[in-house]
Amino acid sequence: MKKCLVVALCVLLIVSACGKKEEQKPEASDGTRRLNIVTTTGMIADVVKNIGGDFVNVTALMGPGVDPHLYKATEGDMRRMADADIIFYNGLHLEGAMGQVLEKLKEREQAFAVTDKIDRTLLNRPPGFEGTFDPHVWFDVRMWSMTAEYVRDVMIDFDKVHAVQFGENAQTYVDSLHELHSYVYELAKSVPPAQRALITAHDAFGYFGKAYGFEVRGLQGISTASEAGTADVQELVQFIVDRRIAAIFVESSVSPKTIEAVQAAVAARGFDVKIGGQLFSDAMGKAGTEEGTYIGMVRHNIHTIVNALLGGRMAQPI
């Protein structure tokens, strides 16, 4: 199946290359042609939109509630990627089912993994995944700002006419991310250390835990393709009961069944743990909502986590 997709992509690339010059029409406010950019996830699309402004046209392949670990490119996706000037993807095996297609595009210097320039010593190496890194880097806001700087540099290489605008927009966006990091850090400190435990369906929040002082437990591994066994559930249940954890959380892109099963197993031990709300992990919220932006998603998550762990006593969000 993957081989067929790669062959189909190569055909589309040839057809697209033949027709691209005729399609270059002025679209931006200054009369220049917008860069046509395709991203895999919404988080990456948000970075590109903030940096590119009016000078880019951005399409995200994976919308709200979509699990990038399992996502498979459609024929329409293949055509969009073939027609794109630039493709930005996360890398670090996040887009597992699309890996071969993206690597083929990377060889043509058309696709770029936004995590490529992050110092590998900063990345988490999850146990059981030897030779790979945890791909969920956007949960450390400081680390995500590094991807913004890389996106800026790639866009300038493709469109030097708007280098100044891209640079200024990127600086404004990175500054806002630094403010966001401080905001999350201060809110996290309001939870007593013994209660700073974040329990979700899959282990997507490792960077969040490391950056903001939370012990993170996920039933499934780094990828949702893995499954939790009975021993994993019982170990997590024991942890919740022993630590008297107030809340556990479901995710927008993962079925809530495993977390609901944990809640029921905890209740059978005579302890009541609440489902504290829904977090956005591998996908953002709907377009047009606060959670449909990266900054809004992060703010929603930290508000939900802190309020649930404090039993609804969090101070009014800023």
C-alpha atoms as a PDB file:
ATOM      1  CA  MET A   1       0.000   0.000   0.000  1.00  0.00           C
ATOM      2  CA  LYS A   2       2.779   2.431   0.946  1.00  0.00           C
ATOM      3  CA  LYS A   3       4.668   1.582  -2.260  1.00  0.00           C
ATOM      4  CA  CYS A   4       1.558   2.387  -4.317  1.00  0.00           C
ATOM      5  CA  LEU A   5       1.201   5.735  -2.565  1.00  0.00           C
ATOM      6  CA  VAL A   6       4.827   6.628  -3.297  1.00  0.00           C
ATOM      7  CA  VAL A   7       4.423   5.710  -6.988  1.00  0.00           C
ATOM      8  CA  ALA A   8       1.219   7.750  -7.197  1.00  0.00           C
ATOM      9  CA  LEU A   9       2.971  10.681  -5.581  1.00  0.00           C
ATOM     10  CA  CYS A  10       5.827  10.574  -8.095  1.00  0.00           C
ATOM     11  CA  VAL A  11       3.319  10.720 -10.977  1.00  0.00           C
ATOM     12  CA  LEU A  12       1.516  13.649  -9.368  1.00  0.00           C
ATOM     13  CA  LEU A  13       4.809  15.471  -8.822  1.00  0.00           C
ATOM     14  CA  ILE A  14       5.650  15.244 -12.541  1.00  0.00           C
ATOM     15  CA  VAL A  15       2.187  16.457 -13.596  1.00  0.00           C
ATOM     16  CA  SER A  16       2.256  19.250 -11.014  1.00  0.00           C
ATOM     17  CA  ALA A  17       5.726  20.431 -12.043  1.00  0.00           C
ATOM     18  CA  CYS A  18       4.550  20.752 -15.662  1.00  0.00           C
ATOM     19  CA  GLY A  19       1.579  22.933 -14.763  1.00  0.00           C
ATOM     20  CA  LYS A  20       2.882  25.052 -11.902  1.00  0.00           C
ATOM     21  CA  LYS A  21       4.186  28.006 -13.905  1.00  0.00           C
ATOM     22  CA  GLU A  22       0.808  28.598 -15.528  1.00  0.00           C
ATOM     23  CA  GLU A  23      -0.901  28.620 -12.119  1.00  0.00           C
ATOM     24  CA  GLN A  24       1.279  31.342 -10.583  1.00  0.00           C
ATOM     25  CA  LYS A  25      -1.190  34.218 -10.201  1.00  0.00           C
ATOM     26  CA  PRO A  26      -0.868  37.342  -8.011  1.00  0.00           C
ATOM     27  CA  GLU A  27      -2.894  36.728  -4.849  1.00  0.00           C
ATOM     28  CA  ALA A  28      -1.274  38.635  -1.973  1.00  0.00           C
ATOM     29  CA  SER A  29      -2.059  42.262  -1.102  1.00  0.00           C
ATOM     30  CA  ASP A  30       1.152  43.483  -2.754  1.00  0.00           C
ATOM     31  CA  GLY A  31       0.349  41.710  -6.035  1.00  0.00           C
ATOM     32  CA  THR A  32       2.789  38.839  -5.552  1.00  0.00           C
ATOM     33  CA  ARG A  33       1.966  35.154  -5.673  1.00  0.00           C
ATOM     34  CA  ARG A  34       1.366  33.553  -2.298  1.00  0.00           C
ATOM     35  CA  LEU A  35       3.467  30.576  -1.299  1.00  0.00           C
ATOM     36  CA  ASN A  36       1.286  27.465  -1.380  1.00  0.00           C
ATOM     37  CA  ILE A  37       2.108  25.575   1.828  1.00  0.00           C
ATOM     38  CA  VAL A  38       0.742  22.252   3.054  1.00  0.00           C
ATOM     39  CA  THR A  39       1.225  21.045   6.625  1.00  0.00           C
ATOM     40  CA  THR A  40       0.378  17.762   8.271  1.00  0.00           C
ATOM     41  CA  THR A  41      -0.929  18.976  11.649  1.00  0.00           C
ATOM     42  CA  GLY A  42      -2.905  22.019  12.699  1.00  0.00           C
ATOM     43  CA  MET A  43      -0.192  23.087  15.132  1.00  0.00           C
ATOM     44  CA  ILE A  44       2.298  23.449  12.291  1.00  0.00           C
ATOM     45  CA  ALA A  45      -0.282  25.253  10.144  1.00  0.00           C
ATOM     46  CA  ASP A  46      -0.742  27.766  12.961  1.00  0.00           C
ATOM     47  CA  VAL A  47       2.995  28.514  13.009  1.00  0.00           C
ATOM     48  CA  VAL A  48       3.053  29.010   9.236  1.00  0.00           C
ATOM     49  CA  LYS A  49       0.017  31.308   9.255  1.00  0.00           C
ATOM     50  CA  ASN A  50       1.484  33.483  11.987  1.00  0.00           C
ATOM     51  CA  ILE A  51       4.788  33.858  10.150  1.00  0.00           C
ATOM     52  CA  GLY A  52       3.501  34.010   6.577  1.00  0.00           C
ATOM     53  CA  GLY A  53       0.514  36.283   7.076  1.00  0.00           C
ATOM     54  CA  ASP A  54      -0.988  37.473   3.776  1.00  0.00           C
ATOM     55  CA  PHE A  55       1.887  36.041   1.736  1.00  0.00           C
ATOM     56  CA  VAL A  56       1.037  32.346   2.212  1.00  0.00           C
ATOM     57  CA  ASN A  57      -1.849  30.027   1.489  1.00  0.00           C
ATOM     58  CA  VAL A  58      -1.888  27.254   4.114  1.00  0.00           C
ATOM     59  CA  THR A  59      -3.656  23.878   4.088  1.00  0.00           C
ATOM     60  CA  ALA A  60      -3.490  21.443   7.022  1.00  0.00           C
ATOM     61  CA  LEU A  61      -4.135  17.826   6.073  1.00  0.00           C
ATOM     62  CA  MET A  62      -5.125  16.728   9.586  1.00  0.00           C
ATOM     63  CA  GLY A  63      -8.036  18.547  11.175  1.00  0.00           C
ATOM     64  CA  PRO A  64      -9.566  18.578  14.681  1.00  0.00           C
ATOM     65  CA  GLY A  65      -9.793  15.204  16.376  1.00  0.00           C
ATOM     66  CA  VAL A  66      -7.457  13.503  13.888  1.00  0.00           C
ATOM     67  CA  ASP A  67      -4.760  11.154  15.221  1.00  0.00           C
ATOM     68  CA  PRO A  68      -1.534  11.815  13.242  1.00  0.00           C
ATOM     69  CA  HIS A  69       0.014   8.504  14.334  1.00  0.00           C
ATOM     70  CA  LEU A  70      -2.603   6.581  12.360  1.00  0.00           C
ATOM     71  CA  TYR A  71      -3.505   9.045   9.609  1.00  0.00           C
ATOM     72  CA  LYS A  72      -3.183   7.799   6.038  1.00  0.00           C
ATOM     73  CA  ALA A  73      -2.868  10.170   3.099  1.00  0.00           C
ATOM     74  CA  THR A  74      -5.855  10.262   0.747  1.00  0.00           C
ATOM     75  CA  GLU A  75      -5.641  10.784  -3.011  1.00  0.00           C
ATOM     76  CA  GLY A  76      -6.668  14.408  -2.423  1.00  0.00           C
ATOM     77  CA  ASP A  77      -3.846  14.810   0.105  1.00  0.00           C
ATOM     78  CA  MET A  78      -1.351  13.455  -2.426  1.00  0.00           C
ATOM     79  CA  ARG A  79      -2.479  16.011  -4.976  1.00  0.00           C
ATOM     80  CA  ARG A  80      -2.293  18.849  -2.455  1.00  0.00           C
ATOM     81  CA  MET A  81       1.242  17.853  -1.505  1.00  0.00           C
ATOM     82  CA  ALA A  82       2.276  17.525  -5.142  1.00  0.00           C
ATOM     83  CA  ASP A  83       0.947  21.031  -5.867  1.00  0.00           C
ATOM     84  CA  ALA A  84       2.583  22.628  -2.806  1.00  0.00           C
ATOM     85  CA  ASP A  85       5.643  24.866  -2.877  1.00  0.00           C
ATOM     86  CA  ILE A  86       6.538  23.734   0.640  1.00  0.00           C
ATOM     87  CA  ILE A  87       5.336  20.900   2.876  1.00  0.00           C
ATOM     88  CA  PHE A  88       5.978  21.153   6.601  1.00  0.00           C
ATOM     89  CA  TYR A  89       5.591  18.077   8.780  1.00  0.00           C
ATOM     90  CA  ASN A  90       6.471  17.277  12.379  1.00  0.00           C
ATOM     91  CA  GLY A  91       8.901  14.410  11.896  1.00  0.00           C
ATOM     92  CA  LEU A  92      10.260  12.151  14.668  1.00  0.00           C
ATOM     93  CA  HIS A  93       7.838   9.484  13.348  1.00  0.00           C
ATOM     94  CA  LEU A  94       4.719  11.388  14.461  1.00  0.00           C
ATOM     95  CA  GLU A  95       3.137  10.871  11.038  1.00  0.00           C
ATOM     96  CA  GLY A  96       3.846   7.131  11.156  1.00  0.00           C
ATOM     97  CA  ALA A  97       1.586   5.965   8.332  1.00  0.00           C
ATOM     98  CA  MET A  98       2.766   8.777   6.018  1.00  0.00           C
ATOM     99  CA  GLY A  99       6.486   8.428   6.754  1.00  0.00           C
ATOM    100  CA  GLN A 100       7.596   6.957   3.421  1.00  0.00           C
ATOM    101  CA  VAL A 101       5.708   9.535   1.365  1.00  0.00           C
ATOM    102  CA  LEU A 102       7.114  12.439   3.386  1.00  0.00           C
ATOM    103  CA  GLU A 103      10.673  11.113   3.143  1.00  0.00           C
ATOM    104  CA  LYS A 104      10.330  10.932  -0.650  1.00  0.00           C
ATOM    105  CA  LEU A 105       9.226  14.562  -0.734  1.00  0.00           C
ATOM    106  CA  LYS A 106      12.051  15.521   1.612  1.00  0.00           C
ATOM    107  CA  GLU A 107      14.554  14.089  -0.860  1.00  0.00           C
ATOM    108  CA  ARG A 108      13.205  16.558  -3.447  1.00  0.00           C
ATOM    109  CA  GLU A 109      13.756  19.436  -0.991  1.00  0.00           C
ATOM    110  CA  GLN A 110      10.027  20.101  -1.010  1.00  0.00           C
ATOM    111  CA  ALA A 111       9.185  18.745   2.452  1.00  0.00           C
ATOM    112  CA  PHE A 112      10.721  19.858   5.743  1.00  0.00           C
ATOM    113  CA  ALA A 113      10.410  18.339   9.225  1.00  0.00           C
ATOM    114  CA  VAL A 114       9.975  21.271  11.625  1.00  0.00           C
ATOM    115  CA  THR A 115      11.782  19.341  14.373  1.00  0.00           C
ATOM    116  CA  ASP A 116      14.977  18.841  12.332  1.00  0.00           C
ATOM    117  CA  LYS A 117      16.824  21.789  13.882  1.00  0.00           C
ATOM    118  CA  ILE A 118      15.977  20.969  17.506  1.00  0.00           C
ATOM    119  CA  ASP A 119      19.058  19.878  19.444  1.00  0.00           C
ATOM    120  CA  ARG A 120      18.688  16.104  19.866  1.00  0.00           C
ATOM    121  CA  THR A 121      19.992  16.298  23.439  1.00  0.00           C
ATOM    122  CA  LEU A 122      16.774  18.153  24.333  1.00  0.00           C
ATOM    123  CA  LEU A 123      14.516  15.394  23.028  1.00  0.00           C
ATOM    124  CA  ASN A 124      12.989  12.644  25.159  1.00  0.00           C
ATOM    125  CA  ARG A 125      13.940   9.042  24.414  1.00  0.00           C
ATOM    126  CA  PRO A 126      10.944   6.931  25.491  1.00  0.00           C
ATOM    127  CA  PRO A 127      11.669   3.448  26.885  1.00  0.00           C
ATOM    128  CA  GLY A 128      10.718   0.673  24.519  1.00  0.00           C
ATOM    129  CA  PHE A 129      11.277   2.834  21.414  1.00  0.00           C
ATOM    130  CA  GLU A 130      15.029   2.450  20.987  1.00  0.00           C
ATOM    131  CA  GLY A 131      16.493   4.790  18.380  1.00  0.00           C
ATOM    132  CA  THR A 132      13.477   7.093  18.249  1.00  0.00           C
ATOM    133  CA  PHE A 133      12.416  10.237  20.054  1.00  0.00           C
ATOM    134  CA  ASP A 134       9.132  11.412  21.539  1.00  0.00           C
ATOM    135  CA  PRO A 135       7.604  13.537  18.726  1.00  0.00           C
ATOM    136  CA  HIS A 136       5.207  15.609  20.892  1.00  0.00           C
ATOM    137  CA  VAL A 137       7.562  18.590  21.167  1.00  0.00           C
ATOM    138  CA  TRP A 138       4.791  21.223  21.009  1.00  0.00           C
ATOM    139  CA  PHE A 139       3.953  20.610  24.680  1.00  0.00           C
ATOM    140  CA  ASP A 140       7.136  22.402  25.730  1.00  0.00           C
ATOM    141  CA  VAL A 141       6.326  25.895  24.492  1.00  0.00           C
ATOM    142  CA  ARG A 142       9.995  26.936  24.480  1.00  0.00           C
ATOM    143  CA  MET A 143      10.856  23.998  22.248  1.00  0.00           C
ATOM    144  CA  TRP A 144       7.990  24.779  19.890  1.00  0.00           C
ATOM    145  CA  SER A 145       9.375  28.299  19.434  1.00  0.00           C
ATOM    146  CA  MET A 146      12.477  26.670  17.897  1.00  0.00           C
ATOM    147  CA  THR A 147      10.306  25.172  15.158  1.00  0.00           C
ATOM    148  CA  ALA A 148       8.953  28.648  14.391  1.00  0.00           C
ATOM    149  CA  GLU A 149      12.472  29.907  13.748  1.00  0.00           C
ATOM    150  CA  TYR A 150      13.146  27.001  11.380  1.00  0.00           C
ATOM    151  CA  VAL A 151       9.867  27.568   9.509  1.00  0.00           C
ATOM    152  CA  ARG A 152      10.835  31.225   9.072  1.00  0.00           C
ATOM    153  CA  ASP A 153      14.208  30.300   7.571  1.00  0.00           C
ATOM    154  CA  VAL A 154      12.698  27.816   5.096  1.00  0.00           C
ATOM    155  CA  MET A 155      10.056  30.311   3.974  1.00  0.00           C
ATOM    156  CA  ILE A 156      12.676  33.002   3.407  1.00  0.00           C
ATOM    157  CA  ASP A 157      14.656  30.566   1.220  1.00  0.00           C
ATOM    158  CA  PHE A 158      11.573  30.123  -0.972  1.00  0.00           C
ATOM    159  CA  ASP A 159      10.447  33.771  -0.940  1.00  0.00           C
ATOM    160  CA  LYS A 160      13.249  36.257  -0.347  1.00  0.00           C
ATOM    161  CA  VAL A 161      11.028  39.165  -1.444  1.00  0.00           C
ATOM    162  CA  HIS A 162       9.140  38.926   1.854  1.00  0.00           C
ATOM    163  CA  ALA A 163      12.112  38.054   4.062  1.00  0.00           C
ATOM    164  CA  VAL A 164      11.672  41.158   6.227  1.00  0.00           C
ATOM    165  CA  GLN A 165       7.971  40.508   6.807  1.00  0.00           C
ATOM    166  CA  PHE A 166       8.595  36.842   7.626  1.00  0.00           C
ATOM    167  CA  GLY A 167      11.344  37.812  10.059  1.00  0.00           C
ATOM    168  CA  GLU A 168       9.231  40.426  11.837  1.00  0.00           C
ATOM    169  CA  ASN A 169       6.183  38.143  12.032  1.00  0.00           C
ATOM    170  CA  ALA A 170       8.301  35.291  13.380  1.00  0.00           C
ATOM    171  CA  GLN A 171       9.787  37.523  16.091  1.00  0.00           C
ATOM    172  CA  THR A 172       6.337  38.683  17.165  1.00  0.00           C
ATOM    173  CA  TYR A 173       5.104  35.095  17.292  1.00  0.00           C
ATOM    174  CA  VAL A 174       8.145  33.802  19.192  1.00  0.00           C
ATOM    175  CA  ASP A 175       7.762  36.636  21.716  1.00  0.00           C
ATOM    176  CA  SER A 176       4.144  35.585  22.279  1.00  0.00           C
ATOM    177  CA  LEU A 177       5.297  31.995  22.821  1.00  0.00           C
ATOM    178  CA  HIS A 178       7.808  33.107  25.449  1.00  0.00           C
ATOM    179  CA  GLU A 179       4.952  34.892  27.265  1.00  0.00           C
ATOM    180  CA  LEU A 180       2.827  31.747  26.954  1.00  0.00           C
ATOM    181  CA  HIS A 181       5.581  29.603  28.474  1.00  0.00           C
ATOM    182  CA  SER A 182       5.800  31.901  31.505  1.00  0.00           C
ATOM    183  CA  TYR A 183       2.016  31.847  31.884  1.00  0.00           C
ATOM    184  CA  VAL A 184       1.849  28.024  31.830  1.00  0.00           C
ATOM    185  CA  TYR A 185       4.793  27.737  34.228  1.00  0.00           C
ATOM    186  CA  GLU A 186       3.207  30.074  36.799  1.00  0.00           C
ATOM    187  CA  LEU A 187      -0.178  28.315  36.655  1.00  0.00           C
ATOM    188  CA  ALA A 188       1.475  24.907  37.017  1.00  0.00           C
ATOM    189  CA  LYS A 189       3.157  26.061  40.235  1.00  0.00           C
ATOM    190  CA  SER A 190      -0.257  26.691  41.779  1.00  0.00           C
ATOM    191  CA  VAL A 191      -0.811  22.909  42.008  1.00  0.00           C
ATOM    192  CA  PRO A 192       0.873  21.321  45.082  1.00  0.00           C
ATOM    193  CA  PRO A 193       3.824  19.161  43.986  1.00  0.00           C
ATOM    194  CA  ALA A 194       2.241  15.945  45.309  1.00  0.00           C
ATOM    195  CA  GLN A 195      -0.804  16.538  43.096  1.00  0.00           C
ATOM    196  CA  ARG A 196       1.104  17.404  39.921  1.00  0.00           C
ATOM    197  CA  ALA A 197       0.283  14.172  38.120  1.00  0.00           C
ATOM    198  CA  LEU A 198      -1.129  14.201  34.604  1.00  0.00           C
ATOM    199  CA  ILE A 199      -2.838  10.972  33.548  1.00  0.00           C
ATOM    200  CA  THR A 200      -4.130  10.582  29.993  1.00  0.00           C
ATOM    201  CA  ALA A 201      -4.916   7.902  27.428  1.00  0.00           C
ATOM    202  CA  HIS A 202      -1.539   7.973  25.670  1.00  0.00           C
ATOM    203  CA  ASP A 203       1.860   9.298  26.631  1.00  0.00           C
ATOM    204  CA  ALA A 204       1.773  12.576  24.679  1.00  0.00           C
ATOM    205  CA  PHE A 205       2.617  14.968  27.508  1.00  0.00           C
ATOM    206  CA  GLY A 206       6.188  13.996  28.366  1.00  0.00           C
ATOM    207  CA  TYR A 207       7.641  17.341  27.297  1.00  0.00           C
ATOM    208  CA  PHE A 208       4.879  19.160  29.188  1.00  0.00           C
ATOM    209  CA  GLY A 209       5.730  17.251  32.357  1.00  0.00           C
ATOM    210  CA  LYS A 210       9.449  17.912  32.024  1.00  0.00           C
ATOM    211  CA  ALA A 211       8.993  21.630  31.335  1.00  0.00           C
ATOM    212  CA  TYR A 212       6.302  22.375  33.932  1.00  0.00           C
ATOM    213  CA  GLY A 213       6.969  19.929  36.760  1.00  0.00           C
ATOM    214  CA  PHE A 214       4.285  17.249  36.283  1.00  0.00           C
ATOM    215  CA  GLU A 215       4.626  13.494  36.595  1.00  0.00           C
ATOM    216  CA  VAL A 216       3.033  12.164  33.425  1.00  0.00           C
ATOM    217  CA  ARG A 217       1.408   8.755  32.991  1.00  0.00           C
ATOM    218  CA  GLY A 218      -0.218   7.502  29.799  1.00  0.00           C
ATOM    219  CA  LEU A 219      -1.971   4.161  29.313  1.00  0.00           C
ATOM    220  CA  GLN A 220      -0.775   3.754  25.748  1.00  0.00           C
ATOM    221  CA  GLY A 221       2.749   4.509  24.661  1.00  0.00           C
ATOM    222  CA  ILE A 222       4.110   7.447  22.669  1.00  0.00           C
ATOM    223  CA  SER A 223       2.146   6.249  19.643  1.00  0.00           C
ATOM    224  CA  THR A 224      -1.566   5.453  19.819  1.00  0.00           C
ATOM    225  CA  ALA A 225      -0.798   2.423  17.640  1.00  0.00           C
ATOM    226  CA  SER A 226       0.325   0.631  20.807  1.00  0.00           C
ATOM    227  CA  GLU A 227      -2.181  -0.911  23.206  1.00  0.00           C
ATOM    228  CA  ALA A 228      -2.419  -0.975  26.985  1.00  0.00           C
ATOM    229  CA  GLY A 229      -2.509  -4.353  28.686  1.00  0.00           C
ATOM    230  CA  THR A 230      -4.287  -5.398  31.884  1.00  0.00           C
ATOM    231  CA  ALA A 231      -1.071  -4.999  33.896  1.00  0.00           C
ATOM    232  CA  ASP A 232      -0.693  -1.411  32.629  1.00  0.00           C
ATOM    233  CA  VAL A 233      -4.223  -0.566  33.745  1.00  0.00           C
ATOM    234  CA  GLN A 234      -3.774  -2.095  37.196  1.00  0.00           C
ATOM    235  CA  GLU A 235      -0.444  -0.328  37.729  1.00  0.00           C
ATOM    236  CA  LEU A 236      -2.015   3.010  36.833  1.00  0.00           C
ATOM    237  CA  VAL A 237      -5.024   2.344  39.074  1.00  0.00           C
ATOM    238  CA  GLN A 238      -2.711   1.624  41.999  1.00  0.00           C
ATOM    239  CA  PHE A 239      -0.799   4.836  41.344  1.00  0.00           C
ATOM    240  CA  ILE A 240      -4.020   6.906  41.373  1.00  0.00           C
ATOM    241  CA  VAL A 241      -5.278   5.323  44.592  1.00  0.00           C
ATOM    242  CA  ASP A 242      -1.932   5.594  46.390  1.00  0.00           C
ATOM    243  CA  ARG A 243      -1.391   9.223  45.395  1.00  0.00           C
ATOM    244  CA  ARG A 244      -5.075  10.213  45.825  1.00  0.00           C
ATOM    245  CA  ILE A 245      -5.034  11.852  42.397  1.00  0.00           C
ATOM    246  CA  ALA A 246      -8.088  14.077  41.970  1.00  0.00           C
ATOM    247  CA  ALA A 247      -8.562  13.860  38.205  1.00  0.00           C
ATOM    248  CA  ILE A 248      -7.605  12.054  35.011  1.00  0.00           C
ATOM    249  CA  PHE A 249      -8.138  13.332  31.465  1.00  0.00           C
ATOM    250  CA  VAL A 250      -9.474  12.297  28.068  1.00  0.00           C
ATOM    251  CA  GLU A 251      -8.013  13.526  24.780  1.00  0.00           C
ATOM    252  CA  SER A 252      -9.754  14.992  21.751  1.00  0.00           C
ATOM    253  CA  SER A 253      -7.990  12.684  19.275  1.00  0.00           C
ATOM    254  CA  VAL A 254      -8.115   9.434  21.297  1.00  0.00           C
ATOM    255  CA  SER A 255     -11.103   7.298  22.294  1.00  0.00           C
ATOM    256  CA  PRO A 256     -12.139   7.955  25.935  1.00  0.00           C
ATOM    257  CA  LYS A 257     -12.824   4.254  26.577  1.00  0.00           C
ATOM    258  CA  THR A 258      -9.463   3.456  28.171  1.00  0.00           C
ATOM    259  CA  ILE A 259      -9.637   6.385  30.598  1.00  0.00           C
ATOM    260  CA  GLU A 260     -13.236   5.527  31.469  1.00  0.00           C
ATOM    261  CA  ALA A 261     -12.083   1.966  32.184  1.00  0.00           C
ATOM    262  CA  VAL A 262      -9.399   3.304  34.525  1.00  0.00           C
ATOM    263  CA  GLN A 263     -11.976   5.442  36.316  1.00  0.00           C
ATOM    264  CA  ALA A 264     -14.220   2.385  36.819  1.00  0.00           C
ATOM    265  CA  ALA A 265     -11.301   0.289  38.099  1.00  0.00           C
ATOM    266  CA  VAL A 266     -10.357   3.018  40.581  1.00  0.00           C
ATOM    267  CA  ALA A 267     -13.959   3.167  41.804  1.00  0.00           C
ATOM    268  CA  ALA A 268     -13.819  -0.601  42.393  1.00  0.00           C
ATOM    269  CA  ARG A 269     -10.939   0.096  44.794  1.00  0.00           C
ATOM    270  CA  GLY A 270     -13.153   2.480  46.774  1.00  0.00           C
ATOM    271  CA  PHE A 271     -11.673   5.758  45.486  1.00  0.00           C
ATOM    272  CA  ASP A 272     -13.419   8.348  43.328  1.00  0.00           C
ATOM    273  CA  VAL A 273     -11.306   9.933  40.594  1.00  0.00           C
ATOM    274  CA  LYS A 274     -12.974  12.479  38.330  1.00  0.00           C
ATOM    275  CA  ILE A 275     -12.527  12.831  34.585  1.00  0.00           C
ATOM    276  CA  GLY A 276     -11.214  16.364  34.694  1.00  0.00           C
ATOM    277  CA  GLY A 277     -12.037  17.309  31.122  1.00  0.00           C
ATOM    278  CA  GLN A 278     -10.837  16.948  27.573  1.00  0.00           C
ATOM    279  CA  LEU A 279      -7.303  17.923  26.565  1.00  0.00           C
ATOM    280  CA  PHE A 280      -6.054  18.651  23.074  1.00  0.00           C
ATOM    281  CA  SER A 281      -3.030  16.452  22.457  1.00  0.00           C
ATOM    282  CA  ASP A 282      -2.286  15.456  18.841  1.00  0.00           C
ATOM    283  CA  ALA A 283      -4.759  17.874  17.258  1.00  0.00           C
ATOM    284  CA  MET A 284      -6.073  21.365  17.986  1.00  0.00           C
ATOM    285  CA  GLY A 285      -9.706  22.429  18.304  1.00  0.00           C
ATOM    286  CA  LYS A 286     -12.081  23.576  15.568  1.00  0.00           C
ATOM    287  CA  ALA A 287     -11.150  26.510  13.357  1.00  0.00           C
ATOM    288  CA  GLY A 288     -12.592  29.788  14.619  1.00  0.00           C
ATOM    289  CA  THR A 289     -12.384  28.774  18.287  1.00  0.00           C
ATOM    290  CA  GLU A 290      -9.707  29.739  20.796  1.00  0.00           C
ATOM    291  CA  GLU A 291      -8.615  26.093  20.923  1.00  0.00           C
ATOM    292  CA  GLY A 292      -8.230  26.171  17.135  1.00  0.00           C
ATOM    293  CA  THR A 293      -4.952  28.061  17.592  1.00  0.00           C
ATOM    294  CA  TYR A 294      -1.779  26.757  19.178  1.00  0.00           C
ATOM    295  CA  ILE A 295      -1.721  29.397  21.917  1.00  0.00           C
ATOM    296  CA  GLY A 296      -5.418  28.883  22.644  1.00  0.00           C
ATOM    297  CA  MET A 297      -4.978  25.114  22.769  1.00  0.00           C
ATOM    298  CA  VAL A 298      -2.129  25.361  25.275  1.00  0.00           C
ATOM    299  CA  ARG A 299      -4.080  27.817  27.446  1.00  0.00           C
ATOM    300  CA  HIS A 300      -7.142  25.528  27.372  1.00  0.00           C
ATOM    301  CA  ASN A 301      -5.038  22.544  28.434  1.00  0.00           C
ATOM    302  CA  ILE A 302      -3.309  24.221  31.370  1.00  0.00           C
ATOM    303  CA  HIS A 303      -6.591  25.759  32.588  1.00  0.00           C
ATOM    304  CA  THR A 304      -8.317  22.353  32.406  1.00  0.00           C
ATOM    305  CA  ILE A 305      -5.479  20.503  34.136  1.00  0.00           C
ATOM    306  CA  VAL A 306      -4.965  22.976  36.964  1.00  0.00           C
ATOM    307  CA  ASN A 307      -8.652  23.528  37.648  1.00  0.00           C
ATOM    308  CA  ALA A 308      -9.372  19.775  37.795  1.00  0.00           C
ATOM    309  CA  LEU A 309      -6.408  18.935  40.015  1.00  0.00           C
ATOM    310  CA  LEU A 310      -7.334  21.776  42.372  1.00  0.00           C
ATOM    311  CA  GLY A 311     -10.920  20.530  42.571  1.00  0.00           C
ATOM    312  CA  GLY A 312     -12.365  23.482  40.667  1.00  0.00           C
ATOM    313  CA  ARG A 313     -10.614  26.072  42.807  1.00  0.00           C
ATOM    314  CA  MET A 314      -8.339  27.587  40.180  1.00  0.00           C
ATOM    315  CA  ALA A 315      -8.189  31.372  40.137  1.00  0.00           C
ATOM    316  CA  GLN A 316      -9.915  33.087  37.209  1.00  0.00           C
ATOM    317  CA  PRO A 317      -7.735  32.618  34.080  1.00  0.00           C
ATOM    318  CA  ILE A 318      -5.920  35.700  32.803  1.00  0.00           C
END
